[in-house]
């Protein structure tokens, strides 16, 4: 039985010498066990990450023309699309409301505990 030959990775810089042509997979494994790949690869390794987008829902909101223009101007100053700015502002406002609700519940619970004690 003959060992299958694995193709050599070609995106390498000339490290301490020319990357050898491996006759077998075992020979290549031994080579990389004894050598640091960082010496052979130029720059940081390129990593491609594909993030799964969360599903979105289209929502139509009517706003005053002045508010719309302010939103667009602010988004332009921050170099982002106005829809993204609006989405982030809504997200922050909801987070603030939720936090306030939690604080209110905690205060009410503390008052109830104080009146019981």
Protein backbone atom coordinates (compact mmCIF):
# COMPACT_ATOMS: atom_id res chain seq x y z
CA UNK A 1 0.00 0.00 0.00
CA UNK A 2 1.44 3.37 -0.97
CA UNK A 3 0.91 6.53 1.04
CA UNK A 4 -1.10 9.24 -0.65
CA UNK A 5 0.80 12.38 -1.44
CA UNK A 6 -0.65 15.57 0.00
CA UNK A 7 -0.30 18.80 -1.92
CA UNK A 8 2.01 21.33 -0.35
CA UNK A 9 0.59 24.65 0.80
CA UNK A 10 1.83 27.23 -1.73
CA UNK A 11 1.06 30.46 0.19
CA UNK A 12 4.33 30.41 2.04
CA UNK A 13 7.29 32.68 2.00
CA UNK A 14 10.74 31.23 1.64
CA UNK A 15 11.44 30.52 5.32
CA UNK A 16 14.77 29.24 6.46
CA UNK A 17 15.02 27.70 3.01
CA UNK A 18 12.79 26.43 0.26
CA UNK A 19 9.84 24.40 1.49
CA UNK A 20 10.58 20.79 0.63
CA UNK A 21 8.38 18.64 -1.58
CA UNK A 22 7.04 15.87 0.64
CA UNK A 23 6.88 12.32 -0.68
CA UNK A 24 4.42 11.11 1.95
CA UNK A 25 2.02 12.55 4.45
CA UNK A 26 4.11 11.09 7.26
CA UNK A 27 7.16 12.95 5.97
CA UNK A 28 5.20 16.20 5.97
CA UNK A 29 3.92 15.55 9.51
CA UNK A 30 7.46 14.92 10.75
CA UNK A 31 8.66 18.10 9.07
CA UNK A 32 5.98 20.29 10.70
CA UNK A 33 6.55 18.58 14.06
CA UNK A 34 10.17 19.74 13.88
CA UNK A 35 9.60 23.21 12.35
CA UNK A 36 7.57 26.25 13.34
CA UNK A 37 4.99 27.14 10.66
CA UNK A 38 5.32 30.81 11.69
CA UNK A 39 8.79 30.77 10.12
CA UNK A 40 7.27 29.84 6.77
CA UNK A 41 4.01 31.78 6.61
CA UNK A 42 4.20 35.45 5.73
CA UNK A 43 2.28 37.76 8.06
CA UNK A 44 -0.63 36.79 10.23
CA UNK A 45 -2.75 33.90 9.08
CA UNK A 46 -5.83 35.02 7.22
CA UNK A 47 -9.02 33.88 8.87
CA UNK A 48 -12.40 34.10 7.22
CA UNK A 49 -15.31 34.24 9.63
CA UNK A 50 -18.85 34.06 8.41
CA UNK A 51 -21.26 35.44 10.95
CA UNK A 52 -24.81 34.27 10.80
CA UNK A 53 -27.10 37.26 10.42
CA UNK A 54 -30.02 37.40 12.74
CA UNK A 55 -33.36 37.55 10.97
CA UNK A 56 -34.74 41.05 10.70
CA UNK A 57 -38.24 42.41 10.42
CA UNK A 58 -39.09 45.36 8.21
CA UNK A 59 -40.81 48.09 10.24
CA UNK A 60 -42.23 51.31 8.84
CA UNK A 61 -42.08 54.30 11.17
CA UNK A 62 -43.36 57.76 10.39
CA UNK A 63 -41.26 60.60 11.80
CA UNK A 64 -41.29 64.37 11.42
CA UNK A 65 -39.19 65.66 8.55
CA UNK A 66 -36.92 67.56 11.00
CA UNK A 67 -36.27 64.37 12.99
CA UNK A 68 -35.54 62.49 9.76
CA UNK A 69 -33.05 65.14 8.62
CA UNK A 70 -31.36 65.19 12.06
CA UNK A 71 -31.09 61.41 11.98
CA UNK A 72 -29.54 61.43 8.50
CA UNK A 73 -27.09 64.23 9.39
CA UNK A 74 -26.02 62.48 12.60
CA UNK A 75 -25.56 59.19 10.77
CA UNK A 76 -23.48 60.93 8.13
CA UNK A 77 -21.22 62.47 10.80
CA UNK A 78 -20.68 58.99 12.25
CA UNK A 79 -20.16 57.46 8.79
CA UNK A 80 -22.94 54.89 9.16
CA UNK A 81 -26.25 54.39 7.37
CA UNK A 82 -29.13 56.18 9.07
CA UNK A 83 -31.09 52.92 9.40
CA UNK A 84 -28.26 51.41 11.44
CA UNK A 85 -28.14 54.50 13.66
CA UNK A 86 -31.90 54.37 14.18
CA UNK A 87 -31.74 50.65 15.01
CA UNK A 88 -28.95 51.27 17.54
CA UNK A 89 -30.78 54.20 19.14
CA UNK A 90 -33.92 52.07 19.53
CA UNK A 91 -31.82 49.23 20.99
CA UNK A 92 -30.18 51.60 23.51
CA UNK A 93 -33.51 53.20 24.47
CA UNK A 94 -35.08 49.77 25.08
CA UNK A 95 -32.09 48.66 27.16
CA UNK A 96 -32.44 51.84 29.25
CA UNK A 97 -36.16 51.24 29.76
CA UNK A 98 -35.55 47.62 30.78
CA UNK A 99 -32.87 48.70 33.24
CA UNK A 100 -35.22 51.31 34.74
CA UNK A 101 -37.97 48.69 35.06
CA UNK A 102 -35.56 46.42 36.93
CA UNK A 103 -34.55 49.26 39.27
CA UNK A 104 -38.21 50.12 39.91
CA UNK A 105 -39.03 46.50 40.73
CA UNK A 106 -36.01 46.31 43.05
CA UNK A 107 -37.07 49.53 44.84
CA UNK A 108 -40.64 48.27 45.20
CA UNK A 109 -39.38 44.96 46.55
CA UNK A 110 -37.10 46.77 49.01
CA UNK A 111 -39.99 49.00 50.19
CA UNK A 112 -42.21 45.95 50.64
CA UNK A 113 -39.50 44.18 52.63
CA UNK A 114 -38.97 47.29 54.80
CA UNK A 115 -42.68 47.58 55.63
CA UNK A 116 -42.87 43.86 56.54
CA UNK A 117 -39.83 44.01 58.83
